[in-house]
Amino acid sequence: MNKPKIYLLFLLLSVLLTSCIPNKDLIYLQKKDVSDNQVVEPVNKKPYRLQTNDVLSISIKAIDPKLVEIFNSGNAAGGAPISEQSGYFTGNSVDEHGNIRLPILGEVNVLGFTTEEVRIKIEQQLNEMYFRKEAGVFAIVKLAGFKYTINGEIINPGTITLYQDNVNIMEAIANAGDIAITGNRKDVKVMRKFPQGTETFSIDLTDSRAVNSPAFNLQPNDYIYIKPLKQKTWGTGKTGIESLTTIVTILSLATTTYLLLKN
């Protein structure tokens, strides 16, 4: 085999090896350190504290339902919105001052509170000011859906609302159709709002230790961004077959052009 053919073969192999996406970059939660036999413990999840523009579903219960009928007139059965649209129109929105408006109680400040703290606050005000203890009044306070936004190299990007209390990033990605093969699973960005500002986390979803990241368990209104792999910008293909096809096409085009120009 002469030297030009050897160089060409070496070039082809180099392009194939560098343009393909390795299988290890596509598998979630791998145990990368084989010498580490410790059990991975998930990080403690901090409770979410309410922010402006959040929507709460609030239901007031009592032994005699007629006593608290006025509080639940706008809610669906059980105090939970039946859809995202009804939650928007009938839920209790947190205004720019951090307040919600309730019948009889008027404005109640909830900014920076957890839903559990809001529940206790409402029950205390109702029992101290309007109802006897014997009435058995209690409140149910929930967010009107767990909302997050996911964008980038994801099958179904957009804003998604899930009707559950807790969502981790793996569930969020699954509900968005999974990360595309061209998505960078090693450097997923999670942007999170806090009262003092926005913080960005980076999480490697190919590593089993990702469950220890503060970004693994999401908070409402998180923004998730999946960066593209460098192989996408090269345009040579995602797999070995695609890369080989691209190379053969380029070589065929180059050979045809050379022959046309020569003749």
C-alpha atoms as a PDB file:
ATOM      1  CA  MET A   1       0.000   0.000   0.000  1.00  0.00           C
ATOM      2  CA  ASN A   2       1.517   3.323  -1.085  1.00  0.00           C
ATOM      3  CA  LYS A   3       1.799   6.333   1.160  1.00  0.00           C
ATOM      4  CA  PRO A   4      -1.133   8.390  -0.303  1.00  0.00           C
ATOM      5  CA  LYS A   5      -3.525   5.498   0.367  1.00  0.00           C
ATOM      6  CA  ILE A   6      -2.183   5.100   3.905  1.00  0.00           C
ATOM      7  CA  TYR A   7      -2.660   8.817   4.564  1.00  0.00           C
ATOM      8  CA  LEU A   8      -6.182   8.693   3.143  1.00  0.00           C
ATOM      9  CA  LEU A   9      -7.077   5.676   5.282  1.00  0.00           C
ATOM     10  CA  PHE A  10      -5.656   7.393   8.375  1.00  0.00           C
ATOM     11  CA  LEU A  11      -7.668  10.519   7.565  1.00  0.00           C
ATOM     12  CA  LEU A  12     -10.879   8.515   7.188  1.00  0.00           C
ATOM     13  CA  LEU A  13     -10.361   6.713  10.498  1.00  0.00           C
ATOM     14  CA  SER A  14      -9.562   9.994  12.278  1.00  0.00           C
ATOM     15  CA  VAL A  15     -12.738  11.649  11.009  1.00  0.00           C
ATOM     16  CA  LEU A  16     -14.841   8.625  11.955  1.00  0.00           C
ATOM     17  CA  LEU A  17     -13.439   8.480  15.485  1.00  0.00           C
ATOM     18  CA  THR A  18     -13.783  12.207  16.179  1.00  0.00           C
ATOM     19  CA  SER A  19     -17.190  12.784  14.570  1.00  0.00           C
ATOM     20  CA  CYS A  20     -19.118   9.876  16.106  1.00  0.00           C
ATOM     21  CA  ILE A  21     -20.894  10.361  19.439  1.00  0.00           C
ATOM     22  CA  PRO A  22     -19.496   7.804  21.938  1.00  0.00           C
ATOM     23  CA  ASN A  23     -22.003   5.501  23.602  1.00  0.00           C
ATOM     24  CA  LYS A  24     -20.756   6.555  27.060  1.00  0.00           C
ATOM     25  CA  ASP A  25     -21.949  10.111  26.331  1.00  0.00           C
ATOM     26  CA  LEU A  26     -25.528   8.875  25.864  1.00  0.00           C
ATOM     27  CA  ILE A  27     -26.053   6.698  28.965  1.00  0.00           C
ATOM     28  CA  TYR A  28     -27.547   8.318  32.070  1.00  0.00           C
ATOM     29  CA  LEU A  29     -26.299   7.968  35.643  1.00  0.00           C
ATOM     30  CA  GLN A  30     -23.281   5.759  35.050  1.00  0.00           C
ATOM     31  CA  LYS A  31     -21.115   4.663  37.946  1.00  0.00           C
ATOM     32  CA  LYS A  32     -17.876   6.079  36.592  1.00  0.00           C
ATOM     33  CA  ASP A  33     -15.578   5.318  39.501  1.00  0.00           C
ATOM     34  CA  VAL A  34     -15.549   1.507  39.736  1.00  0.00           C
ATOM     35  CA  SER A  35     -13.434   1.652  42.896  1.00  0.00           C
ATOM     36  CA  ASP A  36     -16.073   3.646  44.711  1.00  0.00           C
ATOM     37  CA  ASN A  37     -18.489   1.237  46.407  1.00  0.00           C
ATOM     38  CA  GLN A  38     -20.283   3.845  48.476  1.00  0.00           C
ATOM     39  CA  VAL A  39     -24.013   4.192  48.055  1.00  0.00           C
ATOM     40  CA  VAL A  40     -24.969   7.458  46.382  1.00  0.00           C
ATOM     41  CA  GLU A  41     -27.296   9.398  48.658  1.00  0.00           C
ATOM     42  CA  PRO A  42     -29.587  12.029  47.109  1.00  0.00           C
ATOM     43  CA  VAL A  43     -29.081  15.558  48.365  1.00  0.00           C
ATOM     44  CA  ASN A  44     -31.678  16.938  50.785  1.00  0.00           C
ATOM     45  CA  LYS A  45     -34.321  18.893  48.890  1.00  0.00           C
ATOM     46  CA  LYS A  46     -34.994  22.379  50.170  1.00  0.00           C
ATOM     47  CA  PRO A  47     -38.672  23.402  50.247  1.00  0.00           C
ATOM     48  CA  TYR A  48     -39.757  25.808  47.533  1.00  0.00           C
ATOM     49  CA  ARG A  49     -40.494  29.358  48.647  1.00  0.00           C
ATOM     50  CA  LEU A  50     -43.200  31.230  46.807  1.00  0.00           C
ATOM     51  CA  GLN A  51     -42.384  33.978  44.329  1.00  0.00           C
ATOM     52  CA  THR A  52     -44.374  36.581  42.440  1.00  0.00           C
ATOM     53  CA  ASN A  53     -46.565  35.237  39.601  1.00  0.00           C
ATOM     54  CA  ASP A  54     -46.914  31.831  41.265  1.00  0.00           C
ATOM     55  CA  VAL A  55     -50.479  30.480  41.278  1.00  0.00           C
ATOM     56  CA  LEU A  56     -51.857  28.746  44.365  1.00  0.00           C
ATOM     57  CA  SER A  57     -54.780  26.387  44.668  1.00  0.00           C
ATOM     58  CA  ILE A  58     -56.380  26.990  48.076  1.00  0.00           C
ATOM     59  CA  SER A  59     -59.246  24.971  49.481  1.00  0.00           C
ATOM     60  CA  ILE A  60     -60.848  25.550  52.895  1.00  0.00           C
ATOM     61  CA  LYS A  61     -62.584  22.616  54.618  1.00  0.00           C
ATOM     62  CA  ALA A  62     -64.826  22.374  57.685  1.00  0.00           C
ATOM     63  CA  ILE A  63     -67.127  19.930  59.424  1.00  0.00           C
ATOM     64  CA  ASP A  64     -70.021  21.902  57.964  1.00  0.00           C
ATOM     65  CA  PRO A  65     -69.080  22.666  54.324  1.00  0.00           C
ATOM     66  CA  LYS A  66     -71.584  25.547  54.183  1.00  0.00           C
ATOM     67  CA  LEU A  67     -69.471  27.547  56.639  1.00  0.00           C
ATOM     68  CA  VAL A  68     -66.592  27.788  54.167  1.00  0.00           C
ATOM     69  CA  GLU A  69     -68.541  27.730  50.911  1.00  0.00           C
ATOM     70  CA  ILE A  70     -67.477  31.261  50.038  1.00  0.00           C
ATOM     71  CA  PHE A  71     -63.789  30.274  49.970  1.00  0.00           C
ATOM     72  CA  ASN A  72     -64.256  27.441  47.488  1.00  0.00           C
ATOM     73  CA  SER A  73     -66.742  28.910  45.013  1.00  0.00           C
ATOM     74  CA  GLY A  74     -64.051  29.402  42.348  1.00  0.00           C
ATOM     75  CA  ASN A  75     -62.271  26.092  42.781  1.00  0.00           C
ATOM     76  CA  ALA A  76     -62.890  22.758  41.126  1.00  0.00           C
ATOM     77  CA  ALA A  77     -63.937  19.747  43.120  1.00  0.00           C
ATOM     78  CA  GLY A  78     -61.483  19.016  45.886  1.00  0.00           C
ATOM     79  CA  GLY A  79     -59.964  22.487  45.633  1.00  0.00           C
ATOM     80  CA  ALA A  80     -57.610  21.521  42.786  1.00  0.00           C
ATOM     81  CA  PRO A  81     -57.787  23.088  39.308  1.00  0.00           C
ATOM     82  CA  ILE A  82     -58.911  20.594  36.684  1.00  0.00           C
ATOM     83  CA  SER A  83     -56.535  22.059  34.101  1.00  0.00           C
ATOM     84  CA  GLU A  84     -53.743  24.583  33.675  1.00  0.00           C
ATOM     85  CA  GLN A  85     -56.189  27.025  32.088  1.00  0.00           C
ATOM     86  CA  SER A  86     -58.724  26.825  34.922  1.00  0.00           C
ATOM     87  CA  GLY A  87     -55.890  27.144  37.428  1.00  0.00           C
ATOM     88  CA  TYR A  88     -54.837  30.397  35.782  1.00  0.00           C
ATOM     89  CA  PHE A  89     -58.352  31.873  35.955  1.00  0.00           C
ATOM     90  CA  THR A  90     -59.556  30.537  39.310  1.00  0.00           C
ATOM     91  CA  GLY A  91     -56.299  30.128  41.245  1.00  0.00           C
ATOM     92  CA  ASN A  92     -54.794  32.633  43.669  1.00  0.00           C
ATOM     93  CA  SER A  93     -52.012  34.533  41.882  1.00  0.00           C
ATOM     94  CA  VAL A  94     -49.154  36.018  43.898  1.00  0.00           C
ATOM     95  CA  ASP A  95     -49.015  39.685  42.871  1.00  0.00           C
ATOM     96  CA  GLU A  96     -45.937  41.897  42.525  1.00  0.00           C
ATOM     97  CA  HIS A  97     -46.109  42.729  46.238  1.00  0.00           C
ATOM     98  CA  GLY A  98     -46.183  39.042  47.228  1.00  0.00           C
ATOM     99  CA  ASN A  99     -49.866  39.029  48.223  1.00  0.00           C
ATOM    100  CA  ILE A 100     -52.854  36.866  47.393  1.00  0.00           C
ATOM    101  CA  ARG A 101     -56.483  37.910  47.904  1.00  0.00           C
ATOM    102  CA  LEU A 102     -58.910  35.683  49.809  1.00  0.00           C
ATOM    103  CA  PRO A 103     -62.568  36.173  50.743  1.00  0.00           C
ATOM    104  CA  ILE A 104     -63.002  37.663  54.252  1.00  0.00           C
ATOM    105  CA  LEU A 105     -59.256  37.585  54.954  1.00  0.00           C
ATOM    106  CA  GLY A 106     -58.422  40.072  52.215  1.00  0.00           C
ATOM    107  CA  GLU A 107     -54.752  40.352  51.236  1.00  0.00           C
ATOM    108  CA  VAL A 108     -52.419  37.718  52.665  1.00  0.00           C
ATOM    109  CA  ASN A 109     -48.676  38.046  52.128  1.00  0.00           C
ATOM    110  CA  VAL A 110     -47.109  34.758  50.984  1.00  0.00           C
ATOM    111  CA  LEU A 111     -43.857  35.897  49.362  1.00  0.00           C
ATOM    112  CA  GLY A 112     -40.952  33.742  50.544  1.00  0.00           C
ATOM    113  CA  PHE A 113     -43.258  31.326  52.401  1.00  0.00           C
ATOM    114  CA  THR A 114     -43.572  27.607  51.718  1.00  0.00           C
ATOM    115  CA  THR A 115     -47.019  26.212  50.916  1.00  0.00           C
ATOM    116  CA  GLU A 116     -47.035  24.547  54.343  1.00  0.00           C
ATOM    117  CA  GLU A 117     -46.330  27.879  56.051  1.00  0.00           C
ATOM    118  CA  VAL A 118     -49.126  29.521  54.036  1.00  0.00           C
ATOM    119  CA  ARG A 119     -51.517  26.771  55.121  1.00  0.00           C
ATOM    120  CA  ILE A 120     -50.674  27.339  58.795  1.00  0.00           C
ATOM    121  CA  LYS A 121     -50.979  31.109  58.391  1.00  0.00           C
ATOM    122  CA  ILE A 122     -54.440  30.896  56.796  1.00  0.00           C
ATOM    123  CA  GLU A 123     -55.732  28.407  59.359  1.00  0.00           C
ATOM    124  CA  GLN A 124     -54.508  30.567  62.256  1.00  0.00           C
ATOM    125  CA  GLN A 125     -56.185  33.689  60.887  1.00  0.00           C
ATOM    126  CA  LEU A 126     -59.480  31.885  60.242  1.00  0.00           C
ATOM    127  CA  ASN A 127     -59.583  30.208  63.655  1.00  0.00           C
ATOM    128  CA  GLU A 128     -58.523  33.301  65.585  1.00  0.00           C
ATOM    129  CA  MET A 129     -60.777  35.809  63.823  1.00  0.00           C
ATOM    130  CA  TYR A 130     -63.831  34.072  62.390  1.00  0.00           C
ATOM    131  CA  PHE A 131     -64.398  30.463  63.457  1.00  0.00           C
ATOM    132  CA  ARG A 132     -64.509  28.478  66.657  1.00  0.00           C
ATOM    133  CA  LYS A 133     -62.170  25.560  67.081  1.00  0.00           C
ATOM    134  CA  GLU A 134     -65.171  23.223  67.093  1.00  0.00           C
ATOM    135  CA  ALA A 135     -65.873  24.114  63.445  1.00  0.00           C
ATOM    136  CA  GLY A 136     -62.879  21.993  62.409  1.00  0.00           C
ATOM    137  CA  VAL A 137     -61.669  24.456  59.790  1.00  0.00           C
ATOM    138  CA  PHE A 138     -58.497  23.560  57.924  1.00  0.00           C
ATOM    139  CA  ALA A 139     -56.839  24.586  54.650  1.00  0.00           C
ATOM    140  CA  ILE A 140     -55.265  22.741  51.729  1.00  0.00           C
ATOM    141  CA  VAL A 141     -52.629  24.823  49.924  1.00  0.00           C
ATOM    142  CA  LYS A 142     -50.841  23.629  46.804  1.00  0.00           C
ATOM    143  CA  LEU A 143     -49.150  25.133  43.792  1.00  0.00           C
ATOM    144  CA  ALA A 144     -51.491  24.969  40.803  1.00  0.00           C
ATOM    145  CA  GLY A 145     -49.115  22.659  38.953  1.00  0.00           C
ATOM    146  CA  PHE A 146     -45.325  22.218  38.839  1.00  0.00           C
ATOM    147  CA  LYS A 147     -44.194  24.351  35.894  1.00  0.00           C
ATOM    148  CA  TYR A 148     -40.752  24.333  34.253  1.00  0.00           C
ATOM    149  CA  THR A 149     -39.267  25.271  30.875  1.00  0.00           C
ATOM    150  CA  ILE A 150     -36.863  23.078  28.894  1.00  0.00           C
ATOM    151  CA  ASN A 151     -35.056  24.127  25.719  1.00  0.00           C
ATOM    152  CA  GLY A 152     -32.136  23.262  23.453  1.00  0.00           C
ATOM    153  CA  GLU A 153     -31.358  19.724  22.230  1.00  0.00           C
ATOM    154  CA  ILE A 154     -34.567  18.162  23.530  1.00  0.00           C
ATOM    155  CA  ILE A 155     -37.212  16.258  21.559  1.00  0.00           C
ATOM    156  CA  ASN A 156     -40.161  18.402  22.733  1.00  0.00           C
ATOM    157  CA  PRO A 157     -38.954  21.799  24.015  1.00  0.00           C
ATOM    158  CA  GLY A 158     -41.297  24.205  25.750  1.00  0.00           C
ATOM    159  CA  THR A 159     -42.973  25.026  29.048  1.00  0.00           C
ATOM    160  CA  ILE A 160     -44.445  21.980  30.784  1.00  0.00           C
ATOM    161  CA  THR A 161     -46.773  21.738  33.787  1.00  0.00           C
ATOM    162  CA  LEU A 162     -46.900  18.535  35.831  1.00  0.00           C
ATOM    163  CA  TYR A 163     -49.534  17.941  38.489  1.00  0.00           C
ATOM    164  CA  GLN A 164     -47.307  16.576  41.244  1.00  0.00           C
ATOM    165  CA  ASP A 165     -45.472  18.089  44.205  1.00  0.00           C
ATOM    166  CA  ASN A 166     -41.918  17.004  43.409  1.00  0.00           C
ATOM    167  CA  VAL A 167     -40.123  16.663  40.062  1.00  0.00           C
ATOM    168  CA  ASN A 168     -36.516  15.669  39.432  1.00  0.00           C
ATOM    169  CA  ILE A 169     -34.577  16.497  36.277  1.00  0.00           C
ATOM    170  CA  MET A 170     -34.828  12.949  34.914  1.00  0.00           C
ATOM    171  CA  GLU A 171     -38.636  13.099  35.113  1.00  0.00           C
ATOM    172  CA  ALA A 172     -38.606  16.553  33.512  1.00  0.00           C
ATOM    173  CA  ILE A 173     -36.518  15.304  30.583  1.00  0.00           C
ATOM    174  CA  ALA A 174     -38.662  12.171  30.170  1.00  0.00           C
ATOM    175  CA  ASN A 175     -41.810  14.313  29.982  1.00  0.00           C
ATOM    176  CA  ALA A 176     -40.148  16.390  27.250  1.00  0.00           C
ATOM    177  CA  GLY A 177     -39.418  13.321  25.098  1.00  0.00           C
ATOM    178  CA  ASP A 178     -35.773  12.795  26.185  1.00  0.00           C
ATOM    179  CA  ILE A 179     -32.572  14.587  25.155  1.00  0.00           C
ATOM    180  CA  ALA A 180     -31.758  14.356  21.449  1.00  0.00           C
ATOM    181  CA  ILE A 181     -28.717  12.289  20.480  1.00  0.00           C
ATOM    182  CA  THR A 182     -26.904  15.573  19.712  1.00  0.00           C
ATOM    183  CA  GLY A 183     -27.551  16.929  23.223  1.00  0.00           C
ATOM    184  CA  ASN A 184     -24.748  17.334  25.750  1.00  0.00           C
ATOM    185  CA  ARG A 185     -25.775  15.221  28.742  1.00  0.00           C
ATOM    186  CA  LYS A 186     -22.519  16.043  30.552  1.00  0.00           C
ATOM    187  CA  ASP A 187     -23.229  19.756  30.946  1.00  0.00           C
ATOM    188  CA  VAL A 188     -26.954  20.395  31.410  1.00  0.00           C
ATOM    189  CA  LYS A 189     -27.711  23.904  32.650  1.00  0.00           C
ATOM    190  CA  VAL A 190     -30.449  24.624  35.196  1.00  0.00           C
ATOM    191  CA  MET A 191     -31.315  28.275  35.819  1.00  0.00           C
ATOM    192  CA  ARG A 192     -33.175  28.928  39.060  1.00  0.00           C
ATOM    193  CA  LYS A 193     -34.726  32.096  40.470  1.00  0.00           C
ATOM    194  CA  PHE A 194     -34.117  33.142  44.056  1.00  0.00           C
ATOM    195  CA  PRO A 195     -35.271  36.295  45.891  1.00  0.00           C
ATOM    196  CA  GLN A 196     -31.716  37.642  45.574  1.00  0.00           C
ATOM    197  CA  GLY A 197     -31.411  36.812  41.858  1.00  0.00           C
ATOM    198  CA  THR A 198     -30.890  33.967  39.384  1.00  0.00           C
ATOM    199  CA  GLU A 199     -28.367  31.162  39.853  1.00  0.00           C
ATOM    200  CA  THR A 200     -27.173  28.734  37.170  1.00  0.00           C
ATOM    201  CA  PHE A 201     -26.242  25.135  37.983  1.00  0.00           C
ATOM    202  CA  SER A 202     -24.399  22.636  35.786  1.00  0.00           C
ATOM    203  CA  ILE A 203     -25.155  18.932  36.117  1.00  0.00           C
ATOM    204  CA  ASP A 204     -23.574  15.871  34.475  1.00  0.00           C
ATOM    205  CA  LEU A 205     -26.419  13.437  33.838  1.00  0.00           C
ATOM    206  CA  THR A 206     -24.054  10.668  32.700  1.00  0.00           C
ATOM    207  CA  ASP A 207     -22.663  10.427  36.243  1.00  0.00           C
ATOM    208  CA  SER A 208     -24.577   8.598  38.995  1.00  0.00           C
ATOM    209  CA  ARG A 209     -23.388  11.262  41.445  1.00  0.00           C
ATOM    210  CA  ALA A 210     -25.716  13.720  39.676  1.00  0.00           C
ATOM    211  CA  VAL A 211     -28.336  12.917  42.326  1.00  0.00           C
ATOM    212  CA  ASN A 212     -26.143  14.851  44.791  1.00  0.00           C
ATOM    213  CA  SER A 213     -26.444  18.025  42.742  1.00  0.00           C
ATOM    214  CA  PRO A 214     -28.785  20.793  43.995  1.00  0.00           C
ATOM    215  CA  ALA A 215     -30.104  20.886  40.421  1.00  0.00           C
ATOM    216  CA  PHE A 216     -31.225  17.232  40.383  1.00  0.00           C
ATOM    217  CA  ASN A 217     -34.460  17.961  42.256  1.00  0.00           C
ATOM    218  CA  LEU A 218     -36.127  20.789  40.376  1.00  0.00           C
ATOM    219  CA  GLN A 219     -38.014  23.746  41.776  1.00  0.00           C
ATOM    220  CA  PRO A 220     -41.047  25.341  40.132  1.00  0.00           C
ATOM    221  CA  ASN A 221     -40.185  27.782  37.318  1.00  0.00           C
ATOM    222  CA  ASP A 222     -36.735  26.270  36.695  1.00  0.00           C
ATOM    223  CA  TYR A 223     -35.313  26.735  33.189  1.00  0.00           C
ATOM    224  CA  ILE A 224     -33.368  23.764  31.744  1.00  0.00           C
ATOM    225  CA  TYR A 225     -31.059  24.191  28.761  1.00  0.00           C
ATOM    226  CA  ILE A 226     -29.490  21.288  26.856  1.00  0.00           C
ATOM    227  CA  LYS A 227     -26.381  22.370  24.954  1.00  0.00           C
ATOM    228  CA  PRO A 228     -25.530  20.775  21.569  1.00  0.00           C
ATOM    229  CA  LEU A 229     -22.515  18.513  21.217  1.00  0.00           C
ATOM    230  CA  LYS A 230     -19.669  19.706  18.999  1.00  0.00           C
ATOM    231  CA  GLN A 231     -20.431  16.821  16.602  1.00  0.00           C
ATOM    232  CA  LYS A 232     -23.645  18.614  15.603  1.00  0.00           C
ATOM    233  CA  THR A 233     -21.809  21.718  14.419  1.00  0.00           C
ATOM    234  CA  TRP A 234     -19.372  19.598  12.388  1.00  0.00           C
ATOM    235  CA  GLY A 235     -22.256  18.133  10.406  1.00  0.00           C
ATOM    236  CA  THR A 236     -20.427  14.858   9.710  1.00  0.00           C
ATOM    237  CA  GLY A 237     -23.041  12.625  11.317  1.00  0.00           C
ATOM    238  CA  LYS A 238     -24.014  11.284  14.717  1.00  0.00           C
ATOM    239  CA  THR A 239     -23.072   7.635  14.162  1.00  0.00           C
ATOM    240  CA  GLY A 240     -20.269   5.791  12.376  1.00  0.00           C
ATOM    241  CA  ILE A 241     -22.533   4.927   9.431  1.00  0.00           C
ATOM    242  CA  GLU A 242     -23.666   8.547   9.039  1.00  0.00           C
ATOM    243  CA  SER A 243     -20.074   9.788   9.235  1.00  0.00           C
ATOM    244  CA  LEU A 244     -18.887   7.217   6.683  1.00  0.00           C
ATOM    245  CA  THR A 245     -21.746   8.133   4.353  1.00  0.00           C
ATOM    246  CA  THR A 246     -20.830  11.819   4.631  1.00  0.00           C
ATOM    247  CA  ILE A 247     -17.160  11.097   3.903  1.00  0.00           C
ATOM    248  CA  VAL A 248     -17.966   8.873   0.898  1.00  0.00           C
ATOM    249  CA  THR A 249     -20.304  11.560  -0.460  1.00  0.00           C
ATOM    250  CA  ILE A 250     -17.621  14.237  -0.121  1.00  0.00           C
ATOM    251  CA  LEU A 251     -14.961  12.031  -1.753  1.00  0.00           C
ATOM    252  CA  SER A 252     -17.314  11.121  -4.603  1.00  0.00           C
ATOM    253  CA  LEU A 253     -18.108  14.793  -5.174  1.00  0.00           C
ATOM    254  CA  ALA A 254     -14.421  15.705  -5.082  1.00  0.00           C
ATOM    255  CA  THR A 255     -13.532  12.899  -7.524  1.00  0.00           C
ATOM    256  CA  THR A 256     -16.337  13.869  -9.923  1.00  0.00           C
ATOM    257  CA  THR A 257     -15.293  17.525  -9.833  1.00  0.00           C
ATOM    258  CA  TYR A 258     -11.649  16.592 -10.445  1.00  0.00           C
ATOM    259  CA  LEU A 259     -12.527  14.394 -13.435  1.00  0.00           C
ATOM    260  CA  LEU A 260     -14.782  17.080 -14.953  1.00  0.00           C
ATOM    261  CA  LEU A 261     -12.103  19.725 -14.596  1.00  0.00           C
ATOM    262  CA  LYS A 262      -9.440  17.382 -15.991  1.00  0.00           C
ATOM    263  CA  ASN A 263     -11.478  16.657 -19.090  1.00  0.00           C
END
